[in-house]
Protein backbone atom coordinates (compact mmCIF):
# COMPACT_ATOMS: atom_id res chain seq x y z
CA MET A 1 77.30 146.33 79.66
CA ASP A 2 75.40 146.59 83.18
CA ALA A 3 77.51 147.65 86.21
CA HIS A 4 77.34 144.02 87.37
CA ALA A 5 78.75 142.67 84.23
CA ARG A 6 81.52 145.20 84.22
CA HIS A 7 82.41 144.52 88.08
CA HIS A 8 82.89 140.74 87.26
CA ARG A 9 84.78 141.45 84.30
CA THR A 10 87.35 143.64 86.21
CA VAL A 11 87.62 141.20 88.89
CA ARG A 12 88.28 138.35 86.60
CA LEU A 13 90.64 140.35 84.43
CA LEU A 14 92.79 141.67 87.41
CA GLU A 15 93.00 138.09 89.03
CA MET A 16 94.16 136.75 85.85
CA ARG A 17 96.81 139.41 85.16
CA LEU A 18 97.95 138.95 88.52
CA GLU A 19 98.18 135.20 88.50
CA ALA A 20 99.77 135.03 85.05
CA LEU A 21 102.24 137.60 86.25
CA ALA A 22 102.98 135.63 89.77
CA VAL A 23 103.33 132.24 87.55
CA ALA A 24 105.97 134.15 84.84
CA SER A 25 107.96 135.94 87.64
CA GLN A 26 108.65 132.15 89.43
CA ARG A 27 109.47 130.77 86.30
CA SER A 28 111.69 133.25 85.10
CA PRO A 29 115.52 133.40 86.36
CA LEU A 30 115.51 137.11 86.64
CA GLY A 31 112.58 136.96 88.84
CA ASP A 32 110.62 139.94 89.51
CA TYR A 33 113.02 142.23 87.55
CA ARG A 34 112.15 141.09 84.19
CA TYR A 35 108.18 141.76 85.19
CA GLU A 36 108.57 145.32 87.04
CA ARG A 37 106.92 147.42 84.47
CA ARG A 38 104.11 145.04 84.35
CA ILE A 39 103.69 144.54 87.93
CA VAL A 40 103.68 148.38 88.60
CA ALA A 41 101.15 148.61 85.55
CA ALA A 42 99.01 145.86 87.32
CA ALA A 43 99.45 148.03 90.56
CA ALA A 44 98.00 150.97 88.47
CA ALA A 45 95.39 149.28 87.05
CA THR A 46 93.87 148.23 90.48
CA ARG A 47 94.37 151.63 91.79
CA HIS A 48 92.41 152.89 88.91
CA ALA A 49 89.66 150.12 88.85
CA ILE A 50 89.08 151.41 92.86
CA ALA A 51 89.04 155.02 91.58
CA LEU A 52 86.41 154.37 89.16
CA GLU A 53 84.43 152.32 91.45
CA LEU A 54 84.30 149.27 89.66
CA ILE A 55 85.95 147.44 92.67
CA SER A 56 86.48 148.17 96.06
CA ARG A 57 89.42 148.47 98.07
CA GLU A 58 88.60 145.08 99.81
CA GLU A 59 87.99 143.29 96.88
CA ALA A 60 91.13 144.64 95.25
CA GLY A 61 93.16 143.42 98.51
CA ALA A 62 91.50 140.06 98.53
CA ILE A 63 92.09 139.37 94.99
CA TRP A 64 96.05 140.33 95.75
CA ALA A 65 95.77 138.35 98.74
CA THR A 66 94.72 135.21 97.01
CA VAL A 67 97.13 135.38 94.25
CA ALA A 68 99.76 136.01 97.10
CA GLN A 69 98.60 132.66 98.74
CA ARG A 70 98.94 130.88 95.53
CA HIS A 71 102.51 132.20 95.03
CA PRO A 72 103.95 132.63 98.35
CA GLY A 73 107.69 132.75 96.79
CA VAL A 74 106.71 135.69 94.81
CA ALA A 75 107.74 138.95 96.84
CA TRP A 76 105.68 141.42 94.84
CA CYS A 77 102.44 139.63 95.62
CA GLN A 78 102.95 139.84 99.02
CA ALA A 79 103.45 143.62 99.00
CA GLY A 80 100.23 143.87 96.46
CA PRO A 81 97.68 144.83 98.68
CA GLN A 82 99.91 147.86 99.76
CA LEU A 83 100.85 148.75 96.01
CA ALA A 84 97.01 148.61 95.18
CA ALA A 85 96.18 150.79 98.24
């Protein structure tokens, strides 16, 4: 897999994971609490992708911000770029 394909795959996987977590958090009666470990894992995966230079900090922030815009009621999405930085 070349660098471009790896980058595209990382962006797509991160966005899909954050989107799934945001939807699940919105629908859950327990909200974010039930998915806390998965949210922390997504933030860690974001940091690792940045450290491995698969994506830039700006791209990571943009991905988290896009998901936050689609799900304004999900608190962790709003703090996401700070989690990922």
